[in-house]
Structure formats: C-alpha cells, structure tokens
Amino acid sequence: TVLPVLPDSDPSEVDQLATFADALGC
C-alpha cells in the first residue's frame, strides 16, 4: 500500500537495512 509522505521523509536517505548489514557484517 502507498501511504502519504511522512513529514520528515527524505527520498535520498540511505537504505537503513543495508547500512546495518554492512556495519555488522551480517
């Protein structure tokens, strides 16, 4: 489902899960 834009969202933001996987080596 497509929800309304969050007020503090930034479409250029990093992929959070990819960042976590890289930081933990998982």
mmCIF file of all heavy atoms, coordinates in Angstrom:
data_MODEL
# 
_entry.id   MODEL 
# 
loop_
_atom_site.group_PDB 
_atom_site.id 
_atom_site.type_symbol 
_atom_site.label_atom_id 
_atom_site.label_alt_id 
_atom_site.label_comp_id 
_atom_site.label_asym_id 
_atom_site.label_entity_id 
_atom_site.label_seq_id 
_atom_site.pdbx_PDB_ins_code 
_atom_site.Cartn_x 
_atom_site.Cartn_y 
_atom_site.Cartn_z 
_atom_site.occupancy 
_atom_site.B_iso_or_equiv 
_atom_site.pdbx_formal_charge 
_atom_site.auth_seq_id 
_atom_site.auth_comp_id 
_atom_site.auth_asym_id 
_atom_site.auth_atom_id 
_atom_site.pdbx_PDB_model_num 
ATOM 1   N N   . THR A 1 1  ? 0.828  -1.193  0.000  1.00 0.00 ? 1  THR A N   1 
ATOM 2   C CA  . THR A 1 1  ? 0.000  0.000   0.000  1.00 0.00 ? 1  THR A CA  1 
ATOM 3   C C   . THR A 1 1  ? 0.866  1.248   0.000  1.00 0.00 ? 1  THR A C   1 
ATOM 4   O O   . THR A 1 1  ? 1.842  1.325   0.741  1.00 0.00 ? 1  THR A O   1 
ATOM 5   C CB  . THR A 1 1  ? -0.901 0.015   1.259  1.00 0.00 ? 1  THR A CB  1 
ATOM 6   O OG1 . THR A 1 1  ? -1.711 -1.162  1.245  1.00 0.00 ? 1  THR A OG1 1 
ATOM 7   C CG2 . THR A 1 1  ? -1.795 1.238   1.283  1.00 0.00 ? 1  THR A CG2 1 
ATOM 8   N N   . VAL A 1 2  ? 0.524  2.233   -0.803 1.00 0.00 ? 2  VAL A N   1 
ATOM 9   C CA  . VAL A 1 2  ? 1.238  3.504   -0.818 1.00 0.00 ? 2  VAL A CA  1 
ATOM 10  C C   . VAL A 1 2  ? 0.583  4.442   0.195  1.00 0.00 ? 2  VAL A C   1 
ATOM 11  O O   . VAL A 1 2  ? -0.602 4.733   0.104  1.00 0.00 ? 2  VAL A O   1 
ATOM 12  C CB  . VAL A 1 2  ? 1.215  4.144   -2.219 1.00 0.00 ? 2  VAL A CB  1 
ATOM 13  C CG1 . VAL A 1 2  ? 1.943  5.483   -2.201 1.00 0.00 ? 2  VAL A CG1 1 
ATOM 14  C CG2 . VAL A 1 2  ? 1.846  3.211   -3.237 1.00 0.00 ? 2  VAL A CG2 1 
ATOM 15  N N   . LEU A 1 3  ? 1.366  4.876   1.180  1.00 0.00 ? 3  LEU A N   1 
ATOM 16  C CA  . LEU A 1 3  ? 0.867  5.774   2.211  1.00 0.00 ? 3  LEU A CA  1 
ATOM 17  C C   . LEU A 1 3  ? 1.278  7.206   1.910  1.00 0.00 ? 3  LEU A C   1 
ATOM 18  O O   . LEU A 1 3  ? 2.185  7.447   1.111  1.00 0.00 ? 3  LEU A O   1 
ATOM 19  C CB  . LEU A 1 3  ? 1.420  5.360   3.577  1.00 0.00 ? 3  LEU A CB  1 
ATOM 20  C CG  . LEU A 1 3  ? 0.949  4.014   4.116  1.00 0.00 ? 3  LEU A CG  1 
ATOM 21  C CD1 . LEU A 1 3  ? 1.425  3.851   5.538  1.00 0.00 ? 3  LEU A CD1 1 
ATOM 22  C CD2 . LEU A 1 3  ? -0.550 3.875   4.046  1.00 0.00 ? 3  LEU A CD2 1 
ATOM 23  N N   . PRO A 1 4  ? 0.638  8.188   2.555  1.00 0.00 ? 4  PRO A N   1 
ATOM 24  C CA  . PRO A 1 4  ? 1.062  9.583   2.369  1.00 0.00 ? 4  PRO A CA  1 
ATOM 25  C C   . PRO A 1 4  ? 2.515  9.778   2.772  1.00 0.00 ? 4  PRO A C   1 
ATOM 26  O O   . PRO A 1 4  ? 3.052  9.045   3.600  1.00 0.00 ? 4  PRO A O   1 
ATOM 27  C CB  . PRO A 1 4  ? 0.118  10.354  3.299  1.00 0.00 ? 4  PRO A CB  1 
ATOM 28  C CG  . PRO A 1 4  ? -1.055 9.460   3.489  1.00 0.00 ? 4  PRO A CG  1 
ATOM 29  C CD  . PRO A 1 4  ? -0.525 8.059   3.434  1.00 0.00 ? 4  PRO A CD  1 
ATOM 30  N N   . VAL A 1 5  ? 3.142  10.802  2.213  1.00 0.00 ? 5  VAL A N   1 
ATOM 31  C CA  . VAL A 1 5  ? 4.534  11.091  2.518  1.00 0.00 ? 5  VAL A CA  1 
ATOM 32  C C   . VAL A 1 5  ? 4.676  11.472  3.984  1.00 0.00 ? 5  VAL A C   1 
ATOM 33  O O   . VAL A 1 5  ? 3.905  12.265  4.512  1.00 0.00 ? 5  VAL A O   1 
ATOM 34  C CB  . VAL A 1 5  ? 5.042  12.240  1.619  1.00 0.00 ? 5  VAL A CB  1 
ATOM 35  C CG1 . VAL A 1 5  ? 6.444  12.670  2.028  1.00 0.00 ? 5  VAL A CG1 1 
ATOM 36  C CG2 . VAL A 1 5  ? 5.006  11.821  0.166  1.00 0.00 ? 5  VAL A CG2 1 
ATOM 37  N N   . LEU A 1 6  ? 5.651  10.876  4.657  1.00 0.00 ? 6  LEU A N   1 
ATOM 38  C CA  . LEU A 1 6  ? 5.938  11.271  6.028  1.00 0.00 ? 6  LEU A CA  1 
ATOM 39  C C   . LEU A 1 6  ? 6.549  12.672  6.031  1.00 0.00 ? 6  LEU A C   1 
ATOM 40  O O   . LEU A 1 6  ? 7.368  12.997  5.162  1.00 0.00 ? 6  LEU A O   1 
ATOM 41  C CB  . LEU A 1 6  ? 6.919  10.286  6.668  1.00 0.00 ? 6  LEU A CB  1 
ATOM 42  C CG  . LEU A 1 6  ? 6.437  8.849   6.827  1.00 0.00 ? 6  LEU A CG  1 
ATOM 43  C CD1 . LEU A 1 6  ? 7.557  8.004   7.400  1.00 0.00 ? 6  LEU A CD1 1 
ATOM 44  C CD2 . LEU A 1 6  ? 5.236  8.784   7.733  1.00 0.00 ? 6  LEU A CD2 1 
ATOM 45  N N   . PRO A 1 7  ? 6.187  13.506  7.006  1.00 0.00 ? 7  PRO A N   1 
ATOM 46  C CA  . PRO A 1 7  ? 6.700  14.886  7.000  1.00 0.00 ? 7  PRO A CA  1 
ATOM 47  C C   . PRO A 1 7  ? 8.214  14.984  7.002  1.00 0.00 ? 7  PRO A C   1 
ATOM 48  O O   . PRO A 1 7  ? 8.770  15.917  6.432  1.00 0.00 ? 7  PRO A O   1 
ATOM 49  C CB  . PRO A 1 7  ? 6.109  15.465  8.291  1.00 0.00 ? 7  PRO A CB  1 
ATOM 50  C CG  . PRO A 1 7  ? 4.910  14.627  8.567  1.00 0.00 ? 7  PRO A CG  1 
ATOM 51  C CD  . PRO A 1 7  ? 5.246  13.259  8.075  1.00 0.00 ? 7  PRO A CD  1 
ATOM 52  N N   . ASP A 1 8  ? 8.887  14.028  7.649  1.00 0.00 ? 8  ASP A N   1 
ATOM 53  C CA  . ASP A 1 8  ? 10.342 14.119  7.759  1.00 0.00 ? 8  ASP A CA  1 
ATOM 54  C C   . ASP A 1 8  ? 11.051 13.153  6.821  1.00 0.00 ? 8  ASP A C   1 
ATOM 55  O O   . ASP A 1 8  ? 12.203 12.834  7.026  1.00 0.00 ? 8  ASP A O   1 
ATOM 56  C CB  . ASP A 1 8  ? 10.788 13.867  9.199  1.00 0.00 ? 8  ASP A CB  1 
ATOM 57  C CG  . ASP A 1 8  ? 10.316 12.505  9.709  1.00 0.00 ? 8  ASP A CG  1 
ATOM 58  O OD1 . ASP A 1 8  ? 9.486  11.869  9.039  1.00 0.00 ? 8  ASP A OD1 1 
ATOM 59  O OD2 . ASP A 1 8  ? 10.773 12.099  10.785 1.00 0.00 ? 8  ASP A OD2 1 
ATOM 60  N N   . SER A 1 9  ? 10.374 12.666  5.801  1.00 0.00 ? 9  SER A N   1 
ATOM 61  C CA  . SER A 1 9  ? 10.989 11.701  4.903  1.00 0.00 ? 9  SER A CA  1 
ATOM 62  C C   . SER A 1 9  ? 11.900 12.388  3.889  1.00 0.00 ? 9  SER A C   1 
ATOM 63  O O   . SER A 1 9  ? 11.627 13.493  3.439  1.00 0.00 ? 9  SER A O   1 
ATOM 64  C CB  . SER A 1 9  ? 9.922  10.905  4.158  1.00 0.00 ? 9  SER A CB  1 
ATOM 65  O OG  . SER A 1 9  ? 9.257  10.042  5.032  1.00 0.00 ? 9  SER A OG  1 
ATOM 66  N N   . ASP A 1 10 ? 12.964 11.703  3.546  1.00 0.00 ? 10 ASP A N   1 
ATOM 67  C CA  . ASP A 1 10 ? 13.910 12.192  2.541  1.00 0.00 ? 10 ASP A CA  1 
ATOM 68  C C   . ASP A 1 10 ? 14.158 11.059  1.565  1.00 0.00 ? 10 ASP A C   1 
ATOM 69  O O   . ASP A 1 10 ? 14.804 10.068  1.902  1.00 0.00 ? 10 ASP A O   1 
ATOM 70  C CB  . ASP A 1 10 ? 15.212 12.614  3.224  1.00 0.00 ? 10 ASP A CB  1 
ATOM 71  C CG  . ASP A 1 10 ? 16.253 13.090  2.218  1.00 0.00 ? 10 ASP A CG  1 
ATOM 72  O OD1 . ASP A 1 10 ? 15.953 13.089  1.002  1.00 0.00 ? 10 ASP A OD1 1 
ATOM 73  O OD2 . ASP A 1 10 ? 17.353 13.456  2.654  1.00 0.00 ? 10 ASP A OD2 1 
ATOM 74  N N   . PRO A 1 11 ? 13.612 11.128  0.337  1.00 0.00 ? 11 PRO A N   1 
ATOM 75  C CA  . PRO A 1 11 ? 13.770 10.032  -0.611 1.00 0.00 ? 11 PRO A CA  1 
ATOM 76  C C   . PRO A 1 11 ? 15.220 9.693   -0.913 1.00 0.00 ? 11 PRO A C   1 
ATOM 77  O O   . PRO A 1 11 ? 15.511 8.609   -1.405 1.00 0.00 ? 11 PRO A O   1 
ATOM 78  C CB  . PRO A 1 11 ? 13.044 10.549  -1.862 1.00 0.00 ? 11 PRO A CB  1 
ATOM 79  C CG  . PRO A 1 11 ? 12.083 11.574  -1.349 1.00 0.00 ? 11 PRO A CG  1 
ATOM 80  C CD  . PRO A 1 11 ? 12.782 12.213  -0.186 1.00 0.00 ? 11 PRO A CD  1 
ATOM 81  N N   . SER A 1 12 ? 16.153 10.602  -0.670 1.00 0.00 ? 12 SER A N   1 
ATOM 82  C CA  . SER A 1 12 ? 17.558 10.315  -0.928 1.00 0.00 ? 12 SER A CA  1 
ATOM 83  C C   . SER A 1 12 ? 18.242 9.618   0.244  1.00 0.00 ? 12 SER A C   1 
ATOM 84  O O   . SER A 1 12 ? 19.435 9.336   0.187  1.00 0.00 ? 12 SER A O   1 
ATOM 85  C CB  . SER A 1 12 ? 18.298 11.623  -1.237 1.00 0.00 ? 12 SER A CB  1 
ATOM 86  O OG  . SER A 1 12 ? 18.347 12.450  -0.079 1.00 0.00 ? 12 SER A OG  1 
ATOM 87  N N   . GLU A 1 13 ? 17.497 9.351   1.293  1.00 0.00 ? 13 GLU A N   1 
ATOM 88  C CA  . GLU A 1 13 ? 18.062 8.772   2.507  1.00 0.00 ? 13 GLU A CA  1 
ATOM 89  C C   . GLU A 1 13 ? 18.676 7.398   2.226  1.00 0.00 ? 13 GLU A C   1 
ATOM 90  O O   . GLU A 1 13 ? 18.257 6.683   1.317  1.00 0.00 ? 13 GLU A O   1 
ATOM 91  C CB  . GLU A 1 13 ? 16.936 8.631   3.536  1.00 0.00 ? 13 GLU A CB  1 
ATOM 92  C CG  . GLU A 1 13 ? 17.389 8.401   4.949  1.00 0.00 ? 13 GLU A CG  1 
ATOM 93  C CD  . GLU A 1 13 ? 16.180 8.406   5.866  1.00 0.00 ? 13 GLU A CD  1 
ATOM 94  O OE1 . GLU A 1 13 ? 15.301 9.240   5.659  1.00 0.00 ? 13 GLU A OE1 1 
ATOM 95  O OE2 . GLU A 1 13 ? 16.141 7.555   6.758  1.00 0.00 ? 13 GLU A OE2 1 
ATOM 96  N N   . VAL A 1 14 ? 19.641 7.009   3.059  1.00 0.00 ? 14 VAL A N   1 
ATOM 97  C CA  . VAL A 1 14 ? 20.308 5.731   2.868  1.00 0.00 ? 14 VAL A CA  1 
ATOM 98  C C   . VAL A 1 14 ? 19.357 4.578   3.168  1.00 0.00 ? 14 VAL A C   1 
ATOM 99  O O   . VAL A 1 14 ? 18.370 4.730   3.876  1.00 0.00 ? 14 VAL A O   1 
ATOM 100 C CB  . VAL A 1 14 ? 21.543 5.631   3.790  1.00 0.00 ? 14 VAL A CB  1 
ATOM 101 C CG1 . VAL A 1 14 ? 22.542 6.706   3.470  1.00 0.00 ? 14 VAL A CG1 1 
ATOM 102 C CG2 . VAL A 1 14 ? 21.137 5.701   5.267  1.00 0.00 ? 14 VAL A CG2 1 
ATOM 103 N N   . ASP A 1 15 ? 19.669 3.449   2.594  1.00 0.00 ? 15 ASP A N   1 
ATOM 104 C CA  . ASP A 1 15 ? 18.942 2.207   2.877  1.00 0.00 ? 15 ASP A CA  1 
ATOM 105 C C   . ASP A 1 15 ? 19.343 1.752   4.282  1.00 0.00 ? 15 ASP A C   1 
ATOM 106 O O   . ASP A 1 15 ? 20.488 1.356   4.520  1.00 0.00 ? 15 ASP A O   1 
ATOM 107 C CB  . ASP A 1 15 ? 19.326 1.172   1.824  1.00 0.00 ? 15 ASP A CB  1 
ATOM 108 C CG  . ASP A 1 15 ? 18.635 -0.168  2.005  1.00 0.00 ? 15 ASP A CG  1 
ATOM 109 O OD1 . ASP A 1 15 ? 18.124 -0.449  3.107  1.00 0.00 ? 15 ASP A OD1 1 
ATOM 110 O OD2 . ASP A 1 15 ? 18.629 -0.947  1.038  1.00 0.00 ? 15 ASP A OD2 1 
ATOM 111 N N   . GLN A 1 16 ? 18.415 1.815   5.227  1.00 0.00 ? 16 GLN A N   1 
ATOM 112 C CA  . GLN A 1 16 ? 18.751 1.514   6.615  1.00 0.00 ? 16 GLN A CA  1 
ATOM 113 C C   . GLN A 1 16 ? 19.219 0.075   6.794  1.00 0.00 ? 16 GLN A C   1 
ATOM 114 O O   . GLN A 1 16 ? 20.212 -0.189  7.492  1.00 0.00 ? 16 GLN A O   1 
ATOM 115 C CB  . GLN A 1 16 ? 17.546 1.794   7.515  1.00 0.00 ? 16 GLN A CB  1 
ATOM 116 C CG  . GLN A 1 16 ? 17.177 3.271   7.557  1.00 0.00 ? 16 GLN A CG  1 
ATOM 117 C CD  . GLN A 1 16 ? 15.976 3.574   8.426  1.00 0.00 ? 16 GLN A CD  1 
ATOM 118 O OE1 . GLN A 1 16 ? 15.335 2.676   8.968  1.00 0.00 ? 16 GLN A OE1 1 
ATOM 119 N NE2 . GLN A 1 16 ? 15.655 4.848   8.566  1.00 0.00 ? 16 GLN A NE2 1 
ATOM 120 N N   . LEU A 1 17 ? 18.526 -0.876  6.171  1.00 0.00 ? 17 LEU A N   1 
ATOM 121 C CA  . LEU A 1 17 ? 18.905 -2.276  6.348  1.00 0.00 ? 17 LEU A CA  1 
ATOM 122 C C   . LEU A 1 17 ? 20.284 -2.556  5.763  1.00 0.00 ? 17 LEU A C   1 
ATOM 123 O O   . LEU A 1 17 ? 21.095 -3.269  6.367  1.00 0.00 ? 17 LEU A O   1 
ATOM 124 C CB  . LEU A 1 17 ? 17.861 -3.188  5.709  1.00 0.00 ? 17 LEU A CB  1 
ATOM 125 C CG  . LEU A 1 17 ? 18.113 -4.689  5.869  1.00 0.00 ? 17 LEU A CG  1 
ATOM 126 C CD1 . LEU A 1 17 ? 18.238 -5.092  7.336  1.00 0.00 ? 17 LEU A CD1 1 
ATOM 127 C CD2 . LEU A 1 17 ? 17.022 -5.495  5.178  1.00 0.00 ? 17 LEU A CD2 1 
ATOM 128 N N   . ALA A 1 18 ? 20.579 -1.992  4.602  1.00 0.00 ? 18 ALA A N   1 
ATOM 129 C CA  . ALA A 1 18 ? 21.908 -2.187  4.005  1.00 0.00 ? 18 ALA A CA  1 
ATOM 130 C C   . ALA A 1 18 ? 22.985 -1.608  4.907  1.00 0.00 ? 18 ALA A C   1 
ATOM 131 O O   . ALA A 1 18 ? 24.073 -2.182  5.048  1.00 0.00 ? 18 ALA A O   1 
ATOM 132 C CB  . ALA A 1 18 ? 21.958 -1.548  2.624  1.00 0.00 ? 18 ALA A CB  1 
ATOM 133 N N   . THR A 1 19 ? 22.699 -0.455  5.532  1.00 0.00 ? 19 THR A N   1 
ATOM 134 C CA  . THR A 1 19 ? 23.658 0.150   6.454  1.00 0.00 ? 19 THR A CA  1 
ATOM 135 C C   . THR A 1 19 ? 23.908 -0.762  7.648  1.00 0.00 ? 19 THR A C   1 
ATOM 136 O O   . THR A 1 19 ? 25.054 -0.968  8.069  1.00 0.00 ? 19 THR A O   1 
ATOM 137 C CB  . THR A 1 19 ? 23.140 1.511   6.943  1.00 0.00 ? 19 THR A CB  1 
ATOM 138 O OG1 . THR A 1 19 ? 22.956 2.372   5.814  1.00 0.00 ? 19 THR A OG1 1 
ATOM 139 C CG2 . THR A 1 19 ? 24.121 2.167   7.904  1.00 0.00 ? 19 THR A CG2 1 
ATOM 140 N N   . PHE A 1 20 ? 22.852 -1.325  8.206  1.00 0.00 ? 20 PHE A N   1 
ATOM 141 C CA  . PHE A 1 20 ? 23.002 -2.226  9.352  1.00 0.00 ? 20 PHE A CA  1 
ATOM 142 C C   . PHE A 1 20 ? 23.800 -3.475  8.964  1.00 0.00 ? 20 PHE A C   1 
ATOM 143 O O   . PHE A 1 20 ? 24.687 -3.915  9.697  1.00 0.00 ? 20 PHE A O   1 
ATOM 144 C CB  . PHE A 1 20 ? 21.632 -2.658  9.885  1.00 0.00 ? 20 PHE A CB  1 
ATOM 145 C CG  . PHE A 1 20 ? 20.742 -1.553  10.345 1.00 0.00 ? 20 PHE A CG  1 
ATOM 146 C CD1 . PHE A 1 20 ? 19.360 -1.699  10.322 1.00 0.00 ? 20 PHE A CD1 1 
ATOM 147 C CD2 . PHE A 1 20 ? 21.265 -0.352  10.817 1.00 0.00 ? 20 PHE A CD2 1 
ATOM 148 C CE1 . PHE A 1 20 ? 18.531 -0.688  10.753 1.00 0.00 ? 20 PHE A CE1 1 
ATOM 149 C CE2 . PHE A 1 20 ? 20.433 0.667   11.250 1.00 0.00 ? 20 PHE A CE2 1 
ATOM 150 C CZ  . PHE A 1 20 ? 19.054 0.500   11.213 1.00 0.00 ? 20 PHE A CZ  1 
ATOM 151 N N   . ALA A 1 21 ? 23.458 -4.053  7.816  1.00 0.00 ? 21 ALA A N   1 
ATOM 152 C CA  . ALA A 1 21 ? 24.136 -5.279  7.386  1.00 0.00 ? 21 ALA A CA  1 
ATOM 153 C C   . ALA A 1 21 ? 25.624 -5.029  7.192  1.00 0.00 ? 21 ALA A C   1 
ATOM 154 O O   . ALA A 1 21 ? 26.461 -5.861  7.573  1.00 0.00 ? 21 ALA A O   1 
ATOM 155 C CB  . ALA A 1 21 ? 23.501 -5.795  6.095  1.00 0.00 ? 21 ALA A CB  1 
ATOM 156 N N   . ASP A 1 22 ? 25.968 -3.882  6.609  1.00 0.00 ? 22 ASP A N   1 
ATOM 157 C CA  . ASP A 1 22 ? 27.370 -3.543  6.394  1.00 0.00 ? 22 ASP A CA  1 
ATOM 158 C C   . ASP A 1 22 ? 28.086 -3.316  7.720  1.00 0.00 ? 22 ASP A C   1 
ATOM 159 O O   . ASP A 1 22 ? 29.224 -3.771  7.910  1.00 0.00 ? 22 ASP A O   1 
ATOM 160 C CB  . ASP A 1 22 ? 27.463 -2.297  5.508  1.00 0.00 ? 22 ASP A CB  1 
ATOM 161 C CG  . ASP A 1 22 ? 28.900 -1.922  5.187  1.00 0.00 ? 22 ASP A CG  1 
ATOM 162 O OD1 . ASP A 1 22 ? 29.579 -2.709  4.508  1.00 0.00 ? 22 ASP A OD1 1 
ATOM 163 O OD2 . ASP A 1 22 ? 29.343 -0.854  5.639  1.00 0.00 ? 22 ASP A OD2 1 
ATOM 164 N N   . ALA A 1 23 ? 27.435 -2.621  8.664  1.00 0.00 ? 23 ALA A N   1 
ATOM 165 C CA  . ALA A 1 23 ? 28.065 -2.314  9.947  1.00 0.00 ? 23 ALA A CA  1 
ATOM 166 C C   . ALA A 1 23 ? 28.304 -3.568  10.772 1.00 0.00 ? 23 ALA A C   1 
ATOM 167 O O   . ALA A 1 23 ? 29.282 -3.650  11.519 1.00 0.00 ? 23 ALA A O   1 
ATOM 168 C CB  . ALA A 1 23 ? 27.192 -1.330  10.729 1.00 0.00 ? 23 ALA A CB  1 
ATOM 169 N N   . LEU A 1 24 ? 27.427 -4.563  10.642 1.00 0.00 ? 24 LEU A N   1 
ATOM 170 C CA  . LEU A 1 24 ? 27.520 -5.773  11.459 1.00 0.00 ? 24 LEU A CA  1 
ATOM 171 C C   . LEU A 1 24 ? 28.180 -6.934  10.720 1.00 0.00 ? 24 LEU A C   1 
ATOM 172 O O   . LEU A 1 24 ? 28.478 -7.962  11.339 1.00 0.00 ? 24 LEU A O   1 
ATOM 173 C CB  . LEU A 1 24 ? 26.136 -6.205  11.936 1.00 0.00 ? 24 LEU A CB  1 
ATOM 174 C CG  . LEU A 1 24 ? 25.595 -5.539  13.208 1.00 0.00 ? 24 LEU A CG  1 
ATOM 175 C CD1 . LEU A 1 24 ? 25.374 -4.054  13.016 1.00 0.00 ? 24 LEU A CD1 1 
ATOM 176 C CD2 . LEU A 1 24 ? 24.304 -6.205  13.661 1.00 0.00 ? 24 LEU A CD2 1 
ATOM 177 N N   . GLY A 1 25 ? 28.363 -6.808  9.411  1.00 0.00 ? 25 GLY A N   1 
ATOM 178 C CA  . GLY A 1 25 ? 28.900 -7.917  8.639  1.00 0.00 ? 25 GLY A CA  1 
ATOM 179 C C   . GLY A 1 25 ? 27.943 -9.099  8.587  1.00 0.00 ? 25 GLY A C   1 
ATOM 180 O O   . GLY A 1 25 ? 28.369 -10.255 8.628  1.00 0.00 ? 25 GLY A O   1 
ATOM 181 N N   . CYS A 1 26 ? 26.646 -8.803  8.478  1.00 0.00 ? 26 CYS A N   1 
ATOM 182 C CA  . CYS A 1 26 ? 25.609 -9.843  8.517  1.00 0.00 ? 26 CYS A CA  1 
ATOM 183 C C   . CYS A 1 26 ? 24.933 -9.995  7.160  1.00 0.00 ? 26 CYS A C   1 
ATOM 184 O O   . CYS A 1 26 ? 24.922 -9.073  6.341  1.00 0.00 ? 26 CYS A O   1 
ATOM 185 C CB  . CYS A 1 26 ? 24.535 -9.471  9.537  1.00 0.00 ? 26 CYS A CB  1 
ATOM 186 S SG  . CYS A 1 26 ? 25.030 -9.668  11.257 1.00 0.00 ? 26 CYS A SG  1 
# 
